[in-house]
């Protein structure tokens, strides 16, 4: 209970205990409480202490009993006044929040900042999720470049005397296309050597040519190198190299997708959304699914819904990139004198502070302080510096105070975006404890008065 209210009550009780002969008639007829028990109900005028007042009806009765009744009522009221400060409450008042900020008990060092145009500008400059920074870590290379672990299929076309052919057919492991090849018979023939895997050193060992560096070269470049090695041993050889199994030019897709696994890159230079689509797309809603891309030792992430709305974030992937879809429902929590005290899902990529307050049902008319709505969150070092606050590496705790009685702030709240794990706190009004006290007193006296009236 507030100091002013307690002083009034103490003064009233002092008057009850004042020395001298009490004027019962004055006390009965001038009670400050004149509320009737019910519509149309009045204590009979000829009853002792008859009249509409709550205290007057309690004090009414035989003259000999009035001093006792007077002191009993005073003791009850005194106990109620003392208990006012101990009445249960779940929400601090605005002045208590400001007092806590300056208190030595503020171990985390939170600060209160009024929501103003300058504040909104500082918050809006906070860096958003950005995947474009990954482009500086690696430029896309040709997807058909051969890499370590790739499996190659190499075909050699010869004219005249065949280097790879035999009278009875082909050598073991060499595909001649199903035709019997006589090396002494003029004509053209194709010989395919399948399953040649690029070794850890990036080389392959090709018959009659020896060890050749394959990694980093395209299939056509490697084919020309093999042709050059065969020219002195075969008549006009033509070599075609193809990737039978592309393992090096792939990206890895995992997490909350329909078809996780390796996805090979092609000359089409697939972008992030292309790879997600090839993997079957997300299993659940895009507004609660994050896309996390790891390139080397750097990781960035963005909300999938935001990625689809910002084409510049749809970066071109390079071999070795890892894409993970993470399902993480985002929400904020409402506390205090709001219509709802609960965890509330954001459900969309962008939810403004105004929308967040509306989702709580807004300040409760009977117990909320509308000029003390607080947005509680941890801010990044960049935002803390713009606000002139002390920077904390793990995040600076800030309480943004919004005065909903100021019409200007309704415009400002539409410019502030809610974030995952934000807290909305609506402070209690100063009259909340007084209302509770009146309810307590009414609950105590009403049964007594009703019983007395019925007995009379």
Protein backbone atom coordinates (compact mmCIF):
# COMPACT_ATOMS: atom_id res chain seq x y z
CA UNK A 1 0.00 0.00 0.00
CA UNK A 2 1.27 3.50 -0.76
CA UNK A 3 2.53 5.80 1.99
CA UNK A 4 -0.22 8.34 1.40
CA UNK A 5 -2.93 5.71 1.66
CA UNK A 6 -1.38 4.26 4.81
CA UNK A 7 -1.16 7.73 6.42
CA UNK A 8 -4.87 8.33 5.78
CA UNK A 9 -5.73 5.02 7.34
CA UNK A 10 -3.54 5.64 10.38
CA UNK A 11 -5.13 9.04 10.85
CA UNK A 12 -8.57 7.51 10.67
CA UNK A 13 -7.64 4.90 13.27
CA UNK A 14 -6.16 7.60 15.54
CA UNK A 15 -9.49 9.39 15.45
CA UNK A 16 -11.22 6.19 16.47
CA UNK A 17 -8.99 5.88 19.54
CA UNK A 18 -9.05 9.62 20.39
CA UNK A 19 -9.76 10.28 24.13
CA UNK A 20 -12.98 11.84 25.27
CA UNK A 21 -16.60 10.91 25.14
CA UNK A 22 -17.44 9.53 21.72
CA UNK A 23 -20.22 11.09 19.75
CA UNK A 24 -21.91 7.92 18.59
CA UNK A 25 -24.61 9.73 16.70
CA UNK A 26 -22.04 11.64 14.68
CA UNK A 27 -20.00 8.51 13.99
CA UNK A 28 -23.03 6.58 12.87
CA UNK A 29 -24.59 9.14 10.61
CA UNK A 30 -21.41 10.46 9.03
CA UNK A 31 -19.67 7.25 8.06
CA UNK A 32 -17.59 7.60 4.88
CA UNK A 33 -18.80 4.21 3.65
CA UNK A 34 -22.36 4.61 2.43
CA UNK A 35 -22.53 1.69 0.00
CA UNK A 36 -25.66 -0.50 0.42
CA UNK A 37 -25.35 -4.23 0.86
CA UNK A 38 -27.44 -4.93 -2.16
CA UNK A 39 -29.85 -3.18 -4.47
CA UNK A 40 -32.89 -2.11 -2.47
CA UNK A 41 -31.54 -3.40 0.85
CA UNK A 42 -31.22 -1.09 3.88
CA UNK A 43 -30.80 -1.72 7.55
CA UNK A 44 -34.05 -0.66 9.31
CA UNK A 45 -33.88 2.91 10.47
CA UNK A 46 -35.10 1.97 13.96
CA UNK A 47 -32.28 -0.59 14.38
CA UNK A 48 -29.45 0.48 16.67
CA UNK A 49 -27.04 2.43 14.58
CA UNK A 50 -29.40 2.23 11.61
CA UNK A 51 -28.04 3.76 8.41
CA UNK A 52 -26.32 2.78 5.22
CA UNK A 53 -22.69 3.14 6.33
CA UNK A 54 -20.49 0.01 6.52
CA UNK A 55 -18.63 1.07 9.67
CA UNK A 56 -21.78 2.57 11.16
CA UNK A 57 -23.66 -0.71 10.85
CA UNK A 58 -20.78 -2.55 12.47
CA UNK A 59 -20.70 -0.11 15.38
CA UNK A 60 -24.48 -0.09 15.79
CA UNK A 61 -25.91 -1.85 18.81
CA UNK A 62 -26.49 -1.30 22.52
CA UNK A 63 -24.66 1.66 23.95
CA UNK A 64 -22.78 -0.51 26.42
CA UNK A 65 -21.29 -2.53 23.56
CA UNK A 66 -20.35 0.36 21.33
CA UNK A 67 -16.89 1.06 22.82
CA UNK A 68 -15.96 -2.60 22.35
CA UNK A 69 -17.31 -2.66 18.80
CA UNK A 70 -15.51 0.58 18.06
CA UNK A 71 -12.16 -0.78 19.15
CA UNK A 72 -12.72 -4.14 17.45
CA UNK A 73 -13.37 -2.44 14.14
CA UNK A 74 -10.30 -0.30 14.66
CA UNK A 75 -8.12 -3.34 15.32
CA UNK A 76 -9.42 -5.06 12.20
CA UNK A 77 -8.72 -2.01 10.06
CA UNK A 78 -5.27 -1.60 11.62
CA UNK A 79 -4.42 -5.19 10.77
CA UNK A 80 -5.63 -4.65 7.19
CA UNK A 81 -3.47 -1.54 6.82
CA UNK A 82 -0.38 -3.38 8.04
CA UNK A 83 -1.15 -6.31 5.76
CA UNK A 84 -1.52 -4.06 2.71
CA UNK A 85 2.22 -4.04 2.09
CA UNK A 86 2.26 -7.83 2.34
CA UNK A 87 -0.55 -8.43 -0.13
CA UNK A 88 0.55 -10.81 -2.91
CA UNK A 89 1.61 -9.23 -6.19
CA UNK A 90 3.15 -10.68 -9.33
CA UNK A 91 4.25 -7.50 -11.07
CA UNK A 92 6.38 -4.55 -10.00
CA UNK A 93 5.22 -0.97 -10.34
CA UNK A 94 7.04 1.46 -12.58
CA UNK A 95 8.78 3.16 -9.66
CA UNK A 96 9.95 -0.23 -8.37
CA UNK A 97 11.53 -1.02 -11.75
CA UNK A 98 13.42 2.30 -11.74
CA UNK A 99 14.45 1.74 -8.13
CA UNK A 100 15.77 -1.73 -9.01
CA UNK A 101 17.88 -0.24 -11.82
CA UNK A 102 19.72 1.98 -9.34
CA UNK A 103 19.87 -0.66 -6.62
CA UNK A 104 23.05 -2.47 -5.60
CA UNK A 105 21.12 -5.69 -6.22
CA UNK A 106 21.25 -4.98 -9.98
CA UNK A 107 24.07 -7.45 -10.47
CA UNK A 108 23.61 -7.81 -14.25
CA UNK A 109 23.67 -4.05 -14.80
CA UNK A 110 20.44 -3.70 -16.79
CA UNK A 111 19.52 -0.22 -17.96
CA UNK A 112 16.19 1.45 -18.77
CA UNK A 113 15.93 3.33 -22.06
CA UNK A 114 12.86 5.32 -23.12
CA UNK A 115 11.54 4.47 -26.57
CA UNK A 116 12.17 7.56 -28.70
CA UNK A 117 12.93 8.14 -32.40
CA UNK A 118 16.67 8.09 -31.61
CA UNK A 119 16.27 4.77 -29.83
CA UNK A 120 14.36 3.24 -32.74
CA UNK A 121 17.08 4.39 -35.13
CA UNK A 122 19.78 2.73 -33.01
CA UNK A 123 17.85 -0.54 -32.81
CA UNK A 124 17.10 -0.61 -36.53
CA UNK A 125 20.82 -0.36 -37.32
CA UNK A 126 21.46 -3.67 -35.58
CA UNK A 127 23.10 -6.10 -38.05
CA UNK A 128 20.62 -8.59 -39.41
CA UNK A 129 21.41 -12.12 -40.45
CA UNK A 130 23.51 -11.88 -43.61
CA UNK A 131 24.86 -14.75 -45.71
CA UNK A 132 26.60 -12.54 -48.24
CA UNK A 133 29.66 -12.30 -46.01
CA UNK A 134 30.39 -15.92 -46.94
CA UNK A 135 31.11 -14.89 -50.53
CA UNK A 136 34.36 -13.32 -49.40
CA UNK A 137 35.54 -16.70 -48.07
CA UNK A 138 35.52 -18.48 -51.40
CA UNK A 139 34.56 -17.85 -54.98
CA UNK A 140 32.63 -20.44 -56.97
CA UNK A 141 34.90 -22.68 -59.04
CA UNK A 142 33.93 -24.75 -62.04
CA UNK A 143 31.64 -27.53 -60.87
CA UNK A 144 33.11 -29.88 -63.50
CA UNK A 145 36.65 -29.54 -62.15
CA UNK A 146 38.01 -32.90 -61.09
CA UNK A 147 38.80 -33.36 -57.41
CA UNK A 148 40.24 -35.90 -55.05
CA UNK A 149 37.93 -38.90 -54.66
CA UNK A 150 36.10 -38.41 -57.94
CA UNK A 151 35.54 -41.52 -60.03
CA UNK A 152 36.34 -41.11 -63.74
CA UNK A 153 35.26 -42.97 -66.84
CA UNK A 154 37.80 -42.58 -69.68
CA UNK A 155 37.10 -43.67 -73.28
CA UNK A 156 39.84 -43.90 -75.92
CA UNK A 157 38.94 -43.92 -79.62
CA UNK A 158 41.60 -45.32 -81.97
CA UNK A 159 41.96 -45.63 -85.73
CA UNK A 160 43.95 -48.38 -87.32
CA UNK A 161 46.12 -50.49 -85.10
CA UNK A 162 44.51 -50.64 -81.65
CA UNK A 163 46.73 -50.10 -78.63
CA UNK A 164 44.11 -51.36 -76.17
CA UNK A 165 42.54 -54.10 -78.32
CA UNK A 166 43.30 -57.87 -78.54
CA UNK A 167 42.57 -60.60 -81.03
CA UNK A 168 40.19 -62.26 -78.69
CA UNK A 169 38.46 -59.08 -77.61
CA UNK A 170 39.43 -56.55 -75.00
CA UNK A 171 41.83 -56.56 -72.12
CA UNK A 172 40.42 -57.22 -68.65
CA UNK A 173 38.77 -54.10 -67.27
CA UNK A 174 38.51 -52.48 -70.72
CA UNK A 175 35.11 -52.06 -72.36
CA UNK A 176 35.15 -52.25 -76.15
CA UNK A 177 31.48 -51.62 -76.59
CA UNK A 178 30.65 -55.29 -77.14
CA UNK A 179 32.62 -55.66 -80.40
CA UNK A 180 35.54 -58.00 -80.97
CA UNK A 181 38.62 -55.96 -81.78
CA UNK A 182 41.56 -57.22 -83.81
CA UNK A 183 44.51 -54.94 -83.27
CA UNK A 184 45.87 -55.71 -86.78
CA UNK A 185 42.62 -54.91 -88.58
CA UNK A 186 42.29 -51.31 -89.79
CA UNK A 187 39.24 -49.47 -88.50
CA UNK A 188 37.99 -47.36 -85.57
CA UNK A 189 37.42 -48.73 -82.10
CA UNK A 190 36.39 -47.41 -78.68
CA UNK A 191 37.95 -48.61 -75.45
CA UNK A 192 36.54 -47.47 -72.09
CA UNK A 193 38.37 -47.71 -68.78
CA UNK A 194 35.74 -47.24 -66.04
CA UNK A 195 36.16 -46.73 -62.32
CA UNK A 196 39.38 -44.75 -62.24
CA UNK A 197 39.38 -42.92 -58.90
CA UNK A 198 41.48 -39.83 -58.29
CA UNK A 199 43.94 -40.62 -55.55
CA UNK A 200 44.70 -38.55 -52.46
CA UNK A 201 47.56 -36.84 -54.24
CA UNK A 202 45.21 -35.72 -57.01
CA UNK A 203 46.63 -38.09 -59.65
CA UNK A 204 45.56 -41.14 -61.65
CA UNK A 205 47.65 -43.89 -63.24
CA UNK A 206 46.62 -44.34 -66.90
CA UNK A 207 47.88 -47.25 -69.05
CA UNK A 208 50.75 -46.43 -71.45
CA UNK A 209 50.83 -42.84 -70.15
CA UNK A 210 51.73 -43.26 -66.51
CA UNK A 211 50.81 -41.05 -63.56
CA UNK A 212 48.93 -37.87 -64.48
CA UNK A 213 47.68 -35.00 -62.34
CA UNK A 214 43.91 -34.94 -62.61
CA UNK A 215 42.75 -32.81 -59.66
CA UNK A 216 41.96 -29.23 -60.61
CA UNK A 217 41.59 -30.01 -64.30
CA UNK A 218 38.35 -30.28 -66.17
CA UNK A 219 37.51 -33.55 -67.99
CA UNK A 220 38.33 -32.02 -71.38
CA UNK A 221 41.69 -30.75 -70.12
CA UNK A 222 42.56 -34.16 -68.71
CA UNK A 223 41.50 -35.79 -72.01
CA UNK A 224 43.94 -33.62 -73.97
CA UNK A 225 46.74 -34.55 -71.58
CA UNK A 226 46.04 -38.28 -72.09
CA UNK A 227 45.86 -37.81 -75.87
CA UNK A 228 49.30 -36.22 -75.80
CA UNK A 229 50.70 -39.20 -73.91
CA UNK A 230 49.21 -41.70 -76.37
CA UNK A 231 50.15 -40.03 -79.65
CA UNK A 232 53.52 -41.69 -79.81
CA UNK A 233 51.97 -45.09 -79.14
CA UNK A 234 48.63 -45.00 -81.00
CA UNK A 235 47.29 -43.69 -84.27
CA UNK A 236 45.32 -40.47 -83.85
CA UNK A 237 43.89 -41.29 -80.40
CA UNK A 238 40.83 -39.37 -79.20
CA UNK A 239 40.05 -39.36 -75.45
CA UNK A 240 36.77 -38.54 -73.73
CA UNK A 241 36.78 -38.16 -69.93
CA UNK A 242 33.57 -38.03 -67.90
CA UNK A 243 32.77 -37.89 -64.18
CA UNK A 244 31.17 -41.17 -63.21
CA UNK A 245 30.82 -40.17 -59.58
CA UNK A 246 31.25 -36.54 -58.58
CA UNK A 247 32.30 -36.50 -54.94
CA UNK A 248 34.43 -33.37 -54.73
CA UNK A 249 32.01 -30.86 -56.29
CA UNK A 250 29.16 -31.46 -53.87
CA UNK A 251 27.47 -29.76 -50.96
CA UNK A 252 26.09 -31.50 -47.91
CA UNK A 253 22.50 -30.92 -46.91
CA UNK A 254 21.27 -32.06 -43.50
CA UNK A 255 18.78 -31.23 -40.78
CA UNK A 256 15.06 -30.65 -41.21
CA UNK A 257 14.86 -31.47 -44.94
CA UNK A 258 13.00 -34.20 -46.76
CA UNK A 259 16.05 -35.74 -48.48
CA UNK A 260 19.31 -35.07 -46.64
CA UNK A 261 22.59 -36.09 -48.26
CA UNK A 262 25.14 -35.05 -50.88
CA UNK A 263 23.97 -32.82 -53.70
CA UNK A 264 26.34 -32.53 -56.72
CA UNK A 265 26.95 -29.12 -58.21
CA UNK A 266 26.73 -28.56 -61.94
CA UNK A 267 27.74 -25.89 -64.40
CA UNK A 268 24.44 -24.19 -63.58
CA UNK A 269 26.05 -22.73 -60.41
CA UNK A 270 23.31 -23.77 -58.03
CA UNK A 271 22.29 -21.27 -55.39
CA UNK A 272 21.19 -21.91 -51.83
CA UNK A 273 17.46 -22.12 -52.57
CA UNK A 274 18.20 -24.44 -55.52
CA UNK A 275 19.97 -26.91 -53.24
CA UNK A 276 17.19 -26.76 -50.64
CA UNK A 277 14.64 -27.49 -53.38
CA UNK A 278 16.71 -30.41 -54.73
CA UNK A 279 16.84 -31.82 -51.18
CA UNK A 280 13.04 -31.82 -51.05
CA UNK A 281 12.55 -28.57 -49.13
CA UNK A 282 11.89 -28.09 -45.40
CA UNK A 283 9.73 -30.49 -43.45
CA UNK A 284 7.99 -27.73 -41.50
CA UNK A 285 7.06 -24.05 -41.70
CA UNK A 286 9.55 -21.66 -43.23
CA UNK A 287 8.98 -18.95 -40.61
CA UNK A 288 10.34 -21.21 -37.87
CA UNK A 289 13.12 -22.82 -39.92
CA UNK A 290 16.64 -21.40 -40.03
CA UNK A 291 19.10 -22.03 -42.86
CA UNK A 292 22.65 -22.41 -41.57
CA UNK A 293 25.52 -22.37 -44.05
CA UNK A 294 29.06 -23.37 -43.06
CA UNK A 295 31.96 -22.50 -45.34
CA UNK A 296 35.35 -23.45 -43.99
CA UNK A 297 35.36 -22.41 -40.34
CA UNK A 298 32.71 -19.69 -40.71
CA UNK A 299 29.00 -20.20 -40.13
CA UNK A 300 26.10 -17.88 -40.91
CA UNK A 301 22.38 -18.41 -40.73
CA UNK A 302 19.16 -16.77 -41.77
CA UNK A 303 15.46 -17.45 -41.39
CA UNK A 304 14.20 -19.41 -44.39
CA UNK A 305 11.24 -17.08 -44.87
CA UNK A 306 13.60 -14.09 -44.86
CA UNK A 307 15.83 -15.87 -47.39
CA UNK A 308 12.94 -16.29 -49.81
CA UNK A 309 12.05 -12.61 -49.41
CA UNK A 310 15.62 -11.31 -49.93
CA UNK A 311 17.07 -12.56 -53.23
CA UNK A 312 20.47 -11.01 -52.45
CA UNK A 313 20.89 -13.53 -49.62
CA UNK A 314 20.50 -16.44 -52.05
CA UNK A 315 24.24 -16.99 -52.46
CA UNK A 316 25.96 -19.30 -54.95
CA UNK A 317 27.29 -22.40 -53.23
CA UNK A 318 30.75 -23.83 -53.76
CA UNK A 319 32.04 -27.38 -53.28
CA UNK A 320 32.41 -28.31 -49.63
CA UNK A 321 29.66 -26.00 -48.32
CA UNK A 322 27.44 -27.50 -45.64
CA UNK A 323 23.78 -26.52 -45.49
CA UNK A 324 21.70 -27.36 -42.43
CA UNK A 325 18.03 -26.59 -41.89
CA UNK A 326 17.19 -26.07 -38.22
CA UNK A 327 13.63 -26.03 -36.95
CA UNK A 328 13.41 -23.63 -34.02
CA UNK A 329 10.04 -22.09 -33.13
CA UNK A 330 10.50 -18.45 -32.13
CA UNK A 331 8.50 -16.84 -29.36
CA UNK A 332 8.38 -14.08 -26.78
CA UNK A 333 7.01 -14.11 -23.24
CA UNK A 334 4.45 -11.76 -21.68
CA UNK A 335 4.47 -10.97 -17.96
CA UNK A 336 2.77 -8.52 -15.66
CA UNK A 337 -0.54 -6.70 -15.90
CA UNK A 338 -1.41 -7.86 -19.40
CA UNK A 339 -4.49 -9.78 -20.49
CA UNK A 340 -2.28 -12.83 -21.15
CA UNK A 341 0.71 -14.11 -19.20
CA UNK A 342 2.17 -16.76 -21.44
CA UNK A 343 4.70 -17.69 -24.08
CA UNK A 344 3.49 -16.39 -27.45
CA UNK A 345 4.68 -17.71 -30.80
CA UNK A 346 5.89 -15.18 -33.37
CA UNK A 347 4.63 -17.29 -36.31
CA UNK A 348 5.89 -14.87 -38.98
CA UNK A 349 9.30 -13.60 -40.02
CA UNK A 350 8.61 -10.03 -38.91
CA UNK A 351 6.49 -9.09 -35.89
CA UNK A 352 6.54 -5.47 -34.67
CA UNK A 353 6.46 -4.39 -31.04
CA UNK A 354 2.95 -3.03 -31.62
CA UNK A 355 1.81 -6.44 -32.85
CA UNK A 356 3.52 -8.12 -29.91
CA UNK A 357 1.68 -5.92 -27.39
CA UNK A 358 -1.58 -6.60 -29.20
CA UNK A 359 -1.00 -10.36 -29.01
CA UNK A 360 -0.79 -10.11 -25.21
CA UNK A 361 -4.23 -8.49 -25.14
CA UNK A 362 -2.69 -5.16 -24.14
CA UNK A 363 -2.55 -3.61 -20.66
CA UNK A 364 -5.39 -4.67 -18.37
CA UNK A 365 -7.60 -1.65 -17.67
CA UNK A 366 -8.19 -2.46 -14.00
CA UNK A 367 -4.60 -3.09 -12.88
CA UNK A 368 -2.05 -2.01 -15.50
CA UNK A 369 0.07 1.11 -15.78
CA UNK A 370 -0.17 1.91 -19.48
CA UNK A 371 2.77 4.34 -19.39
CA UNK A 372 5.11 1.60 -18.15
CA UNK A 373 5.30 -1.12 -20.80
CA UNK A 374 8.80 -2.60 -20.93
CA UNK A 375 10.51 -4.53 -23.74
CA UNK A 376 13.25 -6.63 -22.13
CA UNK A 377 16.12 -8.06 -24.18
CA UNK A 378 19.88 -8.42 -24.55
CA UNK A 379 21.42 -6.07 -27.10
CA UNK A 380 24.53 -6.57 -29.20
CA UNK A 381 27.68 -4.53 -28.51
CA UNK A 382 27.02 -2.40 -31.60
CA UNK A 383 23.54 -1.36 -30.40
CA UNK A 384 24.77 -0.81 -26.84
CA UNK A 385 27.42 1.61 -28.09
CA UNK A 386 24.86 3.56 -30.12
CA UNK A 387 22.66 3.83 -27.03
CA UNK A 388 25.58 5.04 -24.94
CA UNK A 389 25.47 2.02 -22.65
CA UNK A 390 28.28 -0.02 -21.18
CA UNK A 391 29.09 -2.88 -23.52
CA UNK A 392 28.93 -6.40 -22.15
CA UNK A 393 30.45 -9.14 -24.34
CA UNK A 394 27.63 -11.60 -23.65
CA UNK A 395 24.98 -8.97 -24.44
CA UNK A 396 23.88 -5.80 -22.70
CA UNK A 397 20.57 -6.17 -20.77
CA UNK A 398 18.19 -3.36 -21.71
CA UNK A 399 14.60 -2.52 -20.73
CA UNK A 400 12.91 -0.24 -23.27
CA UNK A 401 10.10 1.74 -21.62
CA UNK A 402 7.08 2.50 -23.78
CA UNK A 403 4.51 5.09 -22.67
CA UNK A 404 1.31 3.87 -24.29
CA UNK A 405 -0.48 7.03 -23.15
CA UNK A 406 1.65 8.99 -25.61
CA UNK A 407 0.12 8.66 -29.10
CA UNK A 408 3.54 9.16 -30.73
CA UNK A 409 4.76 5.88 -29.33
CA UNK A 410 2.11 3.95 -31.26
CA UNK A 411 3.97 4.92 -34.43
CA UNK A 412 7.36 4.07 -32.95
CA UNK A 413 6.27 0.60 -31.83
CA UNK A 414 5.53 -0.33 -35.45
CA UNK A 415 9.22 0.27 -36.29
CA UNK A 416 10.68 -2.04 -33.63
CA UNK A 417 10.88 -5.74 -34.50
CA UNK A 418 10.26 -8.42 -31.89
CA UNK A 419 12.98 -11.03 -31.50
CA UNK A 420 13.14 -14.57 -30.28
CA UNK A 421 13.19 -14.78 -26.45
CA UNK A 422 12.09 -11.15 -25.96
CA UNK A 423 10.09 -10.37 -22.81
CA UNK A 424 7.18 -7.93 -22.54
CA UNK A 425 6.56 -6.64 -19.01
CA UNK A 426 3.56 -4.43 -18.24
CA UNK A 427 3.89 -2.75 -14.83
CA UNK A 428 1.09 -2.70 -12.28
CA UNK A 429 -0.79 0.50 -11.53
CA UNK A 430 -0.22 2.18 -8.16
CA UNK A 431 -3.86 1.64 -7.21
CA UNK A 432 -3.63 -2.12 -7.66
CA UNK A 433 -2.69 -2.85 -4.04
CA UNK A 434 -5.36 -0.46 -2.74
CA UNK A 435 -7.99 -2.26 -4.79
CA UNK A 436 -6.82 -5.53 -3.30
CA UNK A 437 -7.11 -4.07 0.22
CA UNK A 438 -10.66 -2.88 -0.40
CA UNK A 439 -11.54 -6.32 -1.71
CA UNK A 440 -10.03 -7.91 1.41
CA UNK A 441 -11.96 -5.61 3.76
CA UNK A 442 -15.18 -6.16 1.86
CA UNK A 443 -14.71 -9.93 1.95
CA UNK A 444 -14.24 -9.77 5.75
CA UNK A 445 -17.12 -7.48 6.68
CA UNK A 446 -19.80 -8.43 4.18
CA UNK A 447 -20.68 -11.83 5.74
CA UNK A 448 -20.87 -10.20 9.21
CA UNK A 449 -23.19 -7.46 8.05
CA UNK A 450 -25.35 -9.80 6.02
CA UNK A 451 -25.71 -12.12 9.01
CA UNK A 452 -26.59 -9.23 11.31
CA UNK A 453 -29.16 -7.89 8.88
CA UNK A 454 -30.77 -11.31 8.48
CA UNK A 455 -30.93 -11.84 12.26
CA UNK A 456 -32.75 -8.52 12.67
